[in-house]
Amino acid sequence: MTWPDSTTDSTLDSVVEHMHRQLLDHGHHDAGSIGQLLVEHDPLLDDRTVTDLIHRVHSRVSGFGVLDQFLADPTIDEVMVNGAGDLWIERFGRLECTGIIVERATTYALLERIVAPLGLRIDRTSPLVDARLPDGSRVNGVVPPLAVDGPLLTIRRFGARRIELPEVCSPGVAELLGWAVQSRCNIIVSGGAGAGKTTLLNAVAAFIPPDERVVTIEDAAELRLPGRHILRLERRSASAEGAGEVSIRELVRNALRMRPDRIVVGEVRSGEAIDMLQAMNTGHDGSLSTCHANSPIDAIRRLETLVLMGDIALPLPAVREQLRAAVDLIVHVARQPDGSRRVVSIAEPMPDGETGSVISANVLTGPLGELVALPTRPRRASHVGPPLLSWVES
């Protein structure tokens, strides 16, 4: 069998489809097998076309097909497949339509290829799934009947390049954050979805001394800390049979038995908030975490709410006292109109009023995110000097 003009995109697509079926029959799909089948079916193909076809067929059989080119691009942050519609990407913080149409059957096949090796399932009886790729990219899938217009696939890629603090904040703020980590301040990074909280947490945690024993706990393993004594824990979802789930809260409790110098929780979103605060208050200074919030004061209120939603019936004044004693700095990051992410505010929790029963936020930054004041809370590490007035930028 031959193809008349194997250089056109439509013809190449038909070749890829034909070779895919052939390989499914043969059961082998390495580059050698693909090349041999191509030559047998069309000896007149030039070397460049053969190489291109081998890559496309192998990507379809063993990789993620049309998604591979986007997952390999370090400038892309998210890949979104919308039912039987266009494939969208986020590049440099801005959404772009690729013009590529992904069929429903292809999206189902991609979801199954992602979740099956992890012991998960996604179908009409279990229409939601969270997973991750080997590189740490987070995957979310939704299928009918919840997804009305067809299966939805969203992949948030793990950053291919480490971000340095001066890239996302002013020089004075960068100095303060480096000092805060080295002086073992407990830090919460707040922000909206996709604001860059995990990216900033990576940049801040790079200042942790390399010999300290650090336990990281995440939904999907994204943090890449440079130290020599990093222990990475990851939440496990229930299997297809509904068994084996291990929550963030269980991992936080277990981390306390692992002799950590610091605990880093990728995101606090439920009952683990109280365990994290207790860890910060019982000798694990210098711990870090993130939470969804619109501002530092909103982060304080959200942490209060998360603790109250747990199974420990603490009165609100006790919760606020725990929070005030535990958290030293709240760093708020936001996505800018041009798509970039910046630190826009830093605040320290302070008691408000004579009784101190309410917590307020002492904001240390100006309207442009510049450092305008230094923290007043006592530093936790006596071997580190106080912050310098020269860091203040106005």
Protein backbone atom coordinates (compact mmCIF):
# COMPACT_ATOMS: atom_id res chain seq x y z
CA MET A 1 0.00 0.00 0.00
CA THR A 2 1.25 3.49 -0.87
CA TRP A 3 0.02 7.03 -0.37
CA PRO A 4 0.16 9.42 -3.31
CA ASP A 5 1.39 12.57 -1.62
CA SER A 6 2.65 11.79 1.84
CA THR A 7 3.80 15.31 2.56
CA THR A 8 0.38 16.94 3.12
CA ASP A 9 -0.93 17.23 6.66
CA SER A 10 -4.21 15.45 5.88
CA THR A 11 -2.40 12.55 4.25
CA LEU A 12 0.09 12.32 7.11
CA ASP A 13 -2.83 12.18 9.54
CA SER A 14 -4.31 9.25 7.63
CA VAL A 15 -0.91 7.55 7.67
CA VAL A 16 -0.67 8.02 11.43
CA GLU A 17 -4.18 6.59 11.86
CA HIS A 18 -3.37 3.57 9.68
CA MET A 19 -0.06 2.91 11.45
CA HIS A 20 -1.76 3.20 14.82
CA ARG A 21 -4.15 0.38 13.88
CA GLN A 22 -1.28 -1.69 12.50
CA LEU A 23 0.74 -1.32 15.68
CA LEU A 24 -2.22 -2.28 17.85
CA ASP A 25 -2.41 -5.52 15.86
CA HIS A 26 1.35 -6.16 16.13
CA GLY A 27 1.63 -5.28 19.83
CA HIS A 28 5.00 -3.50 19.36
CA HIS A 29 5.38 0.25 19.07
CA ASP A 30 9.07 1.11 19.43
CA ALA A 31 10.70 3.43 16.91
CA GLY A 32 12.26 0.50 15.02
CA SER A 33 8.93 -1.28 14.58
CA ILE A 34 7.25 1.92 13.39
CA GLY A 35 10.03 2.67 10.90
CA GLN A 36 9.96 -0.86 9.51
CA LEU A 37 6.19 -0.77 8.95
CA LEU A 38 6.45 2.61 7.25
CA VAL A 39 9.12 1.42 4.84
CA GLU A 40 7.17 -1.76 4.07
CA HIS A 41 4.03 0.18 3.23
CA ASP A 42 5.66 3.03 1.34
CA PRO A 43 9.33 2.61 0.35
CA LEU A 44 9.29 6.01 -1.41
CA LEU A 45 8.93 8.07 1.76
CA ASP A 46 11.89 10.39 2.27
CA ASP A 47 13.92 10.28 5.49
CA ARG A 48 12.51 13.53 6.86
CA THR A 49 8.91 12.35 6.44
CA VAL A 50 9.72 8.98 7.98
CA THR A 51 11.28 10.67 11.03
CA ASP A 52 8.27 12.95 11.40
CA LEU A 53 5.84 10.04 11.09
CA ILE A 54 7.76 7.92 13.61
CA HIS A 55 7.54 10.76 16.13
CA ARG A 56 3.83 11.34 15.54
CA VAL A 57 2.88 7.67 15.65
CA HIS A 58 4.98 7.00 18.75
CA SER A 59 3.43 10.04 20.44
CA ARG A 60 -0.05 8.77 19.66
CA VAL A 61 0.62 5.23 20.82
CA SER A 62 2.84 5.80 23.87
CA GLY A 63 2.57 9.50 24.72
CA PHE A 64 -0.26 11.99 24.82
CA GLY A 65 -0.70 12.50 21.10
CA VAL A 66 -1.57 16.05 20.14
CA LEU A 67 -0.79 17.26 23.68
CA ASP A 68 2.88 16.23 23.57
CA GLN A 69 4.03 19.32 21.65
CA PHE A 70 2.45 21.59 24.28
CA LEU A 71 3.63 19.58 27.28
CA ALA A 72 7.19 19.86 25.92
CA ASP A 73 6.99 23.65 25.58
CA PRO A 74 8.48 25.31 28.72
CA THR A 75 6.58 28.55 28.03
CA ILE A 76 3.16 26.89 28.48
CA ASP A 77 1.62 26.78 31.97
CA GLU A 78 -1.69 25.02 31.31
CA VAL A 79 -3.24 22.82 28.62
CA MET A 80 -7.05 22.67 28.42
CA VAL A 81 -9.20 20.33 26.32
CA ASN A 82 -12.82 21.52 26.19
CA GLY A 83 -15.11 18.62 25.33
CA ALA A 84 -15.22 18.00 21.60
CA GLY A 85 -13.94 21.50 20.95
CA ASP A 86 -10.85 23.64 20.72
CA LEU A 87 -7.65 22.94 22.62
CA TRP A 88 -6.58 25.97 24.67
CA ILE A 89 -3.29 26.78 26.35
CA GLU A 90 -2.02 29.36 28.82
CA ARG A 91 1.27 30.94 27.81
CA PHE A 92 2.94 33.65 29.92
CA GLY A 93 -0.30 34.04 31.89
CA ARG A 94 -2.54 34.56 28.83
CA LEU A 95 -5.04 32.15 27.27
CA GLU A 96 -4.56 31.17 23.62
CA CYS A 97 -6.75 29.06 21.34
CA THR A 98 -4.58 26.64 19.35
CA GLY A 99 -7.24 25.96 16.71
CA ILE A 100 -6.78 22.22 17.24
CA ILE A 101 -9.97 20.19 17.64
CA VAL A 102 -9.71 17.16 19.93
CA GLU A 103 -12.37 14.50 19.40
CA ARG A 104 -14.28 13.09 22.37
CA ALA A 105 -12.86 9.60 21.86
CA THR A 106 -9.33 11.01 21.89
CA THR A 107 -9.97 12.91 25.14
CA TYR A 108 -11.37 9.78 26.78
CA ALA A 109 -8.31 7.82 25.63
CA LEU A 110 -5.96 10.47 27.02
CA LEU A 111 -7.72 10.48 30.39
CA GLU A 112 -7.58 6.70 30.60
CA ARG A 113 -3.90 6.67 29.67
CA ILE A 114 -3.17 9.15 32.48
CA VAL A 115 -5.21 7.62 35.31
CA ALA A 116 -4.99 3.87 34.63
CA PRO A 117 -1.33 3.46 35.73
CA LEU A 118 -2.21 5.25 38.98
CA GLY A 119 -4.97 2.77 39.86
CA LEU A 120 -7.67 5.41 39.28
CA ARG A 121 -10.73 5.42 37.07
CA ILE A 122 -12.87 7.97 35.29
CA ASP A 123 -16.26 7.03 33.83
CA ARG A 124 -19.95 7.79 34.31
CA THR A 125 -19.97 6.25 37.80
CA SER A 126 -16.78 8.12 38.81
CA PRO A 127 -16.82 11.26 36.63
CA LEU A 128 -14.19 13.33 38.48
CA VAL A 129 -10.50 12.58 38.82
CA ASP A 130 -7.36 14.34 40.05
CA ALA A 131 -3.98 12.90 39.10
CA ARG A 132 -0.49 13.94 38.11
CA LEU A 133 1.96 13.25 35.34
CA PRO A 134 5.46 11.87 36.03
CA ASP A 135 6.92 15.40 35.82
CA GLY A 136 4.59 16.62 38.59
CA SER A 137 2.05 18.34 36.32
CA ARG A 138 -1.42 18.29 37.86
CA VAL A 139 -4.28 16.73 35.92
CA ASN A 140 -8.01 17.24 36.39
CA GLY A 141 -10.60 15.35 34.39
CA VAL A 142 -14.39 15.66 34.24
CA VAL A 143 -16.63 13.48 32.05
CA PRO A 144 -20.39 13.24 31.42
CA PRO A 145 -22.88 13.39 33.02
CA LEU A 146 -21.12 16.17 34.98
CA ALA A 147 -19.44 17.62 31.88
CA VAL A 148 -22.43 18.53 29.71
CA ASP A 149 -20.61 19.12 26.41
CA GLY A 150 -18.14 16.24 26.55
CA PRO A 151 -15.04 15.20 28.53
CA LEU A 152 -12.87 18.00 29.96
CA LEU A 153 -9.14 17.70 30.58
CA THR A 154 -7.01 20.34 32.31
CA ILE A 155 -3.26 19.95 32.85
CA ARG A 156 -1.40 22.46 34.99
CA ARG A 157 2.24 21.99 34.16
CA PHE A 158 5.04 21.98 36.67
CA GLY A 159 7.34 24.91 35.96
CA ALA A 160 10.31 23.87 33.86
CA ARG A 161 12.41 26.78 35.15
CA ARG A 162 13.00 27.80 38.75
CA ILE A 163 11.83 31.33 39.48
CA GLU A 164 14.12 33.57 41.54
CA LEU A 165 12.60 35.98 44.06
CA PRO A 166 13.78 39.20 42.31
CA GLU A 167 11.70 38.15 39.28
CA VAL A 168 8.42 38.35 41.20
CA CYS A 169 8.95 41.10 43.80
CA SER A 170 10.83 44.30 44.55
CA PRO A 171 14.44 44.16 45.83
CA GLY A 172 13.43 45.13 49.35
CA VAL A 173 10.74 42.44 49.51
CA ALA A 174 13.22 39.85 48.21
CA GLU A 175 15.66 40.76 50.97
CA LEU A 176 12.92 40.54 53.60
CA LEU A 177 11.67 37.15 52.43
CA GLY A 178 15.18 35.68 52.34
CA TRP A 179 15.77 36.97 55.85
CA ALA A 180 12.39 35.62 57.03
CA VAL A 181 13.20 32.08 55.89
CA GLN A 182 16.69 32.11 57.40
CA SER A 183 15.35 33.52 60.68
CA ARG A 184 12.77 30.68 60.78
CA CYS A 185 9.62 32.76 60.40
CA ASN A 186 6.45 30.78 59.72
CA ILE A 187 5.15 31.98 56.35
CA ILE A 188 1.80 31.59 54.56
CA VAL A 189 1.68 32.37 50.83
CA SER A 190 -1.82 33.44 49.76
CA GLY A 191 -3.38 34.16 46.39
CA GLY A 192 -6.08 33.15 43.94
CA ALA A 193 -6.15 30.09 41.70
CA GLY A 194 -3.28 30.22 39.21
CA ALA A 195 -1.70 33.24 40.90
CA GLY A 196 1.65 31.50 41.33
CA LYS A 197 1.51 30.44 44.99
CA THR A 198 3.43 27.18 44.51
CA THR A 199 5.96 28.89 42.24
CA LEU A 200 6.59 31.56 44.88
CA LEU A 201 6.77 28.91 47.61
CA ASN A 202 9.50 27.18 45.60
CA ALA A 203 11.44 30.44 45.32
CA VAL A 204 11.07 31.28 49.02
CA ALA A 205 11.98 27.77 50.19
CA ALA A 206 15.25 27.95 48.26
CA PHE A 207 16.62 30.00 51.20
CA ILE A 208 16.24 27.08 53.62
CA PRO A 209 19.73 25.97 54.74
CA PRO A 210 20.72 22.84 52.75
CA ASP A 211 21.41 20.61 55.78
CA GLU A 212 18.01 21.05 57.42
CA ARG A 213 15.58 18.10 57.37
CA VAL A 214 12.50 19.33 55.51
CA VAL A 215 9.29 17.35 54.98
CA THR A 216 7.11 18.55 52.08
CA ILE A 217 3.44 17.54 51.85
CA GLU A 218 1.44 18.14 48.69
CA ASP A 219 -1.63 17.17 46.69
CA ALA A 220 0.61 16.70 43.66
CA ALA A 221 4.38 16.76 44.07
CA GLU A 222 5.42 20.09 42.52
CA LEU A 223 7.95 21.51 44.97
CA ARG A 224 11.60 21.08 44.01
CA LEU A 225 13.68 22.19 46.97
CA PRO A 226 17.46 22.30 46.53
CA GLY A 227 18.45 20.93 49.96
CA ARG A 228 20.19 17.61 50.64
CA HIS A 229 17.68 16.39 53.25
CA ILE A 230 14.27 16.79 51.59
CA LEU A 231 11.53 14.23 52.28
CA ARG A 232 8.60 14.45 49.85
CA LEU A 233 5.13 13.15 50.75
CA GLU A 234 2.13 13.18 48.42
CA ARG A 235 -1.56 12.73 49.13
CA ARG A 236 -3.06 9.56 47.68
CA SER A 237 -6.58 9.42 46.29
CA ALA A 238 -8.81 6.43 46.80
CA SER A 239 -8.32 3.61 44.32
CA ALA A 240 -10.94 2.48 41.81
CA GLU A 241 -12.34 0.28 44.59
CA GLY A 242 -12.66 3.28 46.93
CA ALA A 243 -9.86 2.20 49.28
CA GLY A 244 -6.38 3.42 50.19
CA GLU A 245 -6.98 7.17 50.44
CA VAL A 246 -4.40 9.10 52.48
CA SER A 247 -5.30 12.73 53.20
CA ILE A 248 -3.09 15.79 53.64
CA ARG A 249 -4.10 15.87 57.29
CA GLU A 250 -2.83 12.33 57.87
CA LEU A 251 0.46 13.22 56.19
CA VAL A 252 0.87 16.34 58.36
CA ARG A 253 0.33 14.26 61.48
CA ASN A 254 2.77 11.63 60.26
CA ALA A 255 5.38 14.28 59.39
CA LEU A 256 5.52 15.27 63.07
CA ARG A 257 6.95 11.78 63.78
CA MET A 258 9.70 12.14 61.17
CA ARG A 259 11.93 14.55 63.11
CA PRO A 260 11.48 17.48 60.70
CA ASP A 261 13.30 20.78 61.11
CA ARG A 262 10.62 22.35 58.94
CA ILE A 263 7.32 21.26 57.42
CA VAL A 264 6.21 22.62 54.04
CA VAL A 265 2.55 22.02 53.13
CA GLY A 266 1.77 22.72 49.49
CA GLU A 267 -1.71 24.02 50.30
CA VAL A 268 -3.92 24.17 53.39
CA ARG A 269 -7.54 23.72 52.37
CA SER A 270 -9.38 21.77 55.10
CA GLY A 271 -8.91 20.15 58.51
CA GLU A 272 -5.12 19.99 58.22
CA ALA A 273 -5.07 23.73 59.06
CA ILE A 274 -5.23 23.04 62.81
CA ASP A 275 -2.47 20.41 62.58
CA MET A 276 -0.27 22.82 60.63
CA LEU A 277 -0.81 25.60 63.20
CA GLN A 278 -0.06 23.24 66.06
CA ALA A 279 3.14 22.11 64.34
CA MET A 280 4.21 25.75 63.96
CA ASN A 281 3.49 26.30 67.66
CA THR A 282 5.35 23.20 68.91
CA GLY A 283 8.92 23.68 67.79
CA HIS A 284 8.71 23.44 64.00
CA ASP A 285 9.63 27.07 63.35
CA GLY A 286 10.26 28.10 59.78
CA SER A 287 7.39 26.09 58.31
CA LEU A 288 5.73 27.21 55.08
CA SER A 289 2.36 26.74 53.40
CA THR A 290 -0.12 28.30 50.97
CA CYS A 291 -3.85 28.99 50.97
CA HIS A 292 -6.42 30.48 48.62
CA ALA A 293 -7.36 34.04 49.58
CA ASN A 294 -7.85 37.50 48.07
CA SER A 295 -5.62 39.40 50.52
CA PRO A 296 -3.56 38.84 53.68
CA ILE A 297 -6.50 39.68 55.96
CA ASP A 298 -8.71 37.32 53.96
CA ALA A 299 -6.04 34.63 54.41
CA ILE A 300 -6.29 35.08 58.19
CA ARG A 301 -10.07 34.75 58.08
CA ARG A 302 -9.88 31.73 55.78
CA LEU A 303 -7.45 29.94 58.09
CA GLU A 304 -9.80 30.63 60.99
CA THR A 305 -12.69 29.16 59.01
CA LEU A 306 -10.71 26.07 57.98
CA VAL A 307 -9.83 25.32 61.60
CA LEU A 308 -13.45 25.79 62.70
CA MET A 309 -14.59 23.42 59.93
CA GLY A 310 -12.43 20.63 61.36
CA ASP A 311 -13.47 17.95 63.82
CA ILE A 312 -11.86 19.68 66.82
CA ALA A 313 -14.44 21.97 68.44
CA LEU A 314 -12.16 24.84 69.43
CA PRO A 315 -13.74 28.17 70.40
CA LEU A 316 -12.97 31.05 68.05
CA PRO A 317 -10.79 32.97 70.56
CA ALA A 318 -8.59 29.89 71.00
CA VAL A 319 -8.30 29.48 67.23
CA ARG A 320 -7.27 33.11 66.84
CA GLU A 321 -4.68 32.80 69.59
CA GLN A 322 -3.19 29.74 67.87
CA LEU A 323 -3.12 31.57 64.54
CA ARG A 324 -1.62 34.76 65.96
CA ALA A 325 1.13 32.83 67.72
CA ALA A 326 1.90 30.55 64.77
CA VAL A 327 2.00 32.71 61.63
CA ASP A 328 4.68 35.40 61.30
CA LEU A 329 4.20 36.62 57.72
CA ILE A 330 1.53 36.36 55.04
CA VAL A 331 2.83 36.93 51.51
CA HIS A 332 0.13 37.66 48.92
CA VAL A 333 0.79 37.00 45.23
CA ALA A 334 -1.49 37.96 42.33
CA ARG A 335 -1.67 37.66 38.58
CA GLN A 336 -1.19 41.02 36.84
CA PRO A 337 -3.14 42.25 33.77
CA ASP A 338 -0.16 41.41 31.55
CA GLY A 339 -0.22 37.79 32.77
CA SER A 340 2.82 38.05 35.07
CA ARG A 341 2.72 37.07 38.75
CA ARG A 342 3.93 39.48 41.42
CA VAL A 343 4.08 39.75 45.19
CA VAL A 344 1.60 42.55 45.86
CA SER A 345 1.43 42.56 49.65
CA ILE A 346 3.15 41.29 52.80
CA ALA A 347 1.55 41.50 56.23
CA GLU A 348 2.07 40.18 59.75
CA PRO A 349 -0.86 39.07 61.94
CA MET A 350 -1.30 41.30 64.98
CA PRO A 351 -3.83 41.37 67.85
CA ASP A 352 -6.48 44.04 67.31
CA GLY A 353 -8.00 45.97 70.20
CA GLU A 354 -7.42 45.87 73.93
CA THR A 355 -8.47 42.25 74.39
CA GLY A 356 -6.61 40.96 71.34
CA SER A 357 -9.59 38.73 70.52
CA VAL A 358 -9.51 39.80 66.85
CA ILE A 359 -6.53 39.52 64.52
CA SER A 360 -5.66 42.32 62.12
CA ALA A 361 -2.97 42.53 59.44
CA ASN A 362 -0.04 44.91 59.79
CA VAL A 363 0.73 45.55 56.11
CA LEU A 364 4.43 46.04 55.33
CA THR A 365 4.14 46.94 51.63
CA GLY A 366 2.89 49.89 49.61
CA PRO A 367 0.38 50.03 46.75
CA LEU A 368 2.98 48.89 44.19
CA GLY A 369 4.23 46.00 46.33
CA GLU A 370 7.31 47.89 47.53
CA LEU A 371 8.56 47.40 51.10
CA VAL A 372 7.55 50.36 53.28
CA ALA A 373 7.97 48.93 56.81
CA LEU A 374 9.78 46.16 58.66
CA PRO A 375 8.11 43.42 60.73
CA THR A 376 7.76 44.09 64.44
CA ARG A 377 7.18 40.55 65.72
CA PRO A 378 10.09 39.01 67.67
CA ARG A 379 12.31 36.91 65.42
CA ARG A 380 12.43 33.19 66.16
CA ALA A 381 16.12 32.55 65.42
CA SER A 382 18.54 34.39 67.70
CA HIS A 383 21.56 33.65 65.49
CA VAL A 384 20.14 35.79 62.65
CA GLY A 385 20.33 39.55 62.94
CA PRO A 386 17.30 41.86 62.67
CA PRO A 387 15.99 43.07 59.30
CA LEU A 388 17.81 46.09 57.92
CA LEU A 389 16.23 49.50 57.53
CA SER A 390 18.05 49.86 54.19
CA TRP A 391 15.62 47.33 52.69
CA VAL A 392 12.74 49.78 53.05
CA GLU A 393 12.04 51.32 49.63
CA SER A 394 10.04 54.44 50.56
